[in-house]
Amino acid sequence: MTLSPRAKTELGTPVPTRRLPRYGFHTHNEQLNGRLAMLGFIALVAVEYKLGHGLLIW
């Protein structure tokens, strides 16, 4: 574990900083996923507009 320079209690005892896990929900991953979902949705709307009907027709 690494110690940050500010990670000290009032008594002067160093407090270890926690390392983030390499899995799970992270801000960067969630932003990337959201942006790709928005691009996919816009692409779907553009294709449906170009075809003149929805893609899920029977």
C-alpha atoms as a PDB file:
ATOM      1  CA  MET A   1       0.000   0.000   0.000  1.00  0.00           C
ATOM      2  CA  THR A   2       1.118   3.497  -0.704  1.00  0.00           C
ATOM      3  CA  LEU A   3       0.753   6.430   1.609  1.00  0.00           C
ATOM      4  CA  SER A   4      -0.365   9.782   0.336  1.00  0.00           C
ATOM      5  CA  PRO A   5       1.399  12.849   1.751  1.00  0.00           C
ATOM      6  CA  ARG A   6      -1.822  14.131   3.312  1.00  0.00           C
ATOM      7  CA  ALA A   7      -2.920  10.768   4.688  1.00  0.00           C
ATOM      8  CA  LYS A   8      -2.153  11.352   8.353  1.00  0.00           C
ATOM      9  CA  THR A   9      -4.375  11.469  11.364  1.00  0.00           C
ATOM     10  CA  GLU A  10      -4.212  14.165  14.002  1.00  0.00           C
ATOM     11  CA  LEU A  11      -1.837  11.969  15.994  1.00  0.00           C
ATOM     12  CA  GLY A  12       0.592  11.741  13.090  1.00  0.00           C
ATOM     13  CA  THR A  13      -0.101   8.075  12.341  1.00  0.00           C
ATOM     14  CA  PRO A  14       0.011   7.415   8.590  1.00  0.00           C
ATOM     15  CA  VAL A  15      -3.225   6.161   7.059  1.00  0.00           C
ATOM     16  CA  PRO A  16      -2.866   3.912   3.994  1.00  0.00           C
ATOM     17  CA  THR A  17      -4.818   4.906   0.896  1.00  0.00           C
ATOM     18  CA  ARG A  18      -7.078   2.356  -0.760  1.00  0.00           C
ATOM     19  CA  ARG A  19      -6.365   1.201  -4.269  1.00  0.00           C
ATOM     20  CA  LEU A  20      -9.342   1.098  -6.613  1.00  0.00           C
ATOM     21  CA  PRO A  21     -10.375  -2.336  -7.867  1.00  0.00           C
ATOM     22  CA  ARG A  22      -9.804  -3.087 -11.529  1.00  0.00           C
ATOM     23  CA  TYR A  23     -13.390  -4.253 -12.076  1.00  0.00           C
ATOM     24  CA  GLY A  24     -16.866  -2.925 -11.533  1.00  0.00           C
ATOM     25  CA  PHE A  25     -18.453   0.430 -12.212  1.00  0.00           C
ATOM     26  CA  HIS A  26     -15.992   3.250 -12.827  1.00  0.00           C
ATOM     27  CA  THR A  27     -16.665   6.747 -14.077  1.00  0.00           C
ATOM     28  CA  HIS A  28     -14.614   6.340 -17.252  1.00  0.00           C
ATOM     29  CA  ASN A  29     -16.267   3.041 -18.178  1.00  0.00           C
ATOM     30  CA  GLU A  30     -19.747   4.403 -17.553  1.00  0.00           C
ATOM     31  CA  GLN A  31     -19.094   7.536 -19.624  1.00  0.00           C
ATOM     32  CA  LEU A  32     -17.720   5.486 -22.512  1.00  0.00           C
ATOM     33  CA  ASN A  33     -20.662   3.084 -22.369  1.00  0.00           C
ATOM     34  CA  GLY A  34     -23.143   5.971 -22.335  1.00  0.00           C
ATOM     35  CA  ARG A  35     -21.500   7.688 -25.288  1.00  0.00           C
ATOM     36  CA  LEU A  36     -21.463   4.496 -27.339  1.00  0.00           C
ATOM     37  CA  ALA A  37     -25.125   3.890 -26.499  1.00  0.00           C
ATOM     38  CA  MET A  38     -25.992   7.420 -27.650  1.00  0.00           C
ATOM     39  CA  LEU A  39     -24.088   6.920 -30.911  1.00  0.00           C
ATOM     40  CA  GLY A  40     -25.869   3.607 -31.484  1.00  0.00           C
ATOM     41  CA  PHE A  41     -29.265   5.157 -30.857  1.00  0.00           C
ATOM     42  CA  ILE A  42     -28.572   8.060 -33.235  1.00  0.00           C
ATOM     43  CA  ALA A  43     -27.340   5.596 -35.877  1.00  0.00           C
ATOM     44  CA  LEU A  44     -30.534   3.555 -35.460  1.00  0.00           C
ATOM     45  CA  VAL A  45     -32.721   6.650 -35.846  1.00  0.00           C
ATOM     46  CA  ALA A  46     -30.738   7.703 -38.948  1.00  0.00           C
ATOM     47  CA  VAL A  47     -31.122   4.258 -40.557  1.00  0.00           C
ATOM     48  CA  GLU A  48     -34.847   4.179 -39.814  1.00  0.00           C
ATOM     49  CA  TYR A  49     -35.242   7.666 -41.290  1.00  0.00           C
ATOM     50  CA  LYS A  50     -33.310   6.658 -44.426  1.00  0.00           C
ATOM     51  CA  LEU A  51     -35.322   3.438 -44.892  1.00  0.00           C
ATOM     52  CA  GLY A  52     -38.634   5.096 -44.163  1.00  0.00           C
ATOM     53  CA  HIS A  53     -39.677   2.430 -41.645  1.00  0.00           C
ATOM     54  CA  GLY A  54     -38.419   0.805 -38.478  1.00  0.00           C
ATOM     55  CA  LEU A  55     -35.919  -2.039 -38.461  1.00  0.00           C
ATOM     56  CA  LEU A  56     -38.153  -4.300 -36.394  1.00  0.00           C
ATOM     57  CA  ILE A  57     -41.004  -4.740 -38.837  1.00  0.00           C
ATOM     58  CA  TRP A  58     -42.634  -8.139 -39.369  1.00  0.00           C
END
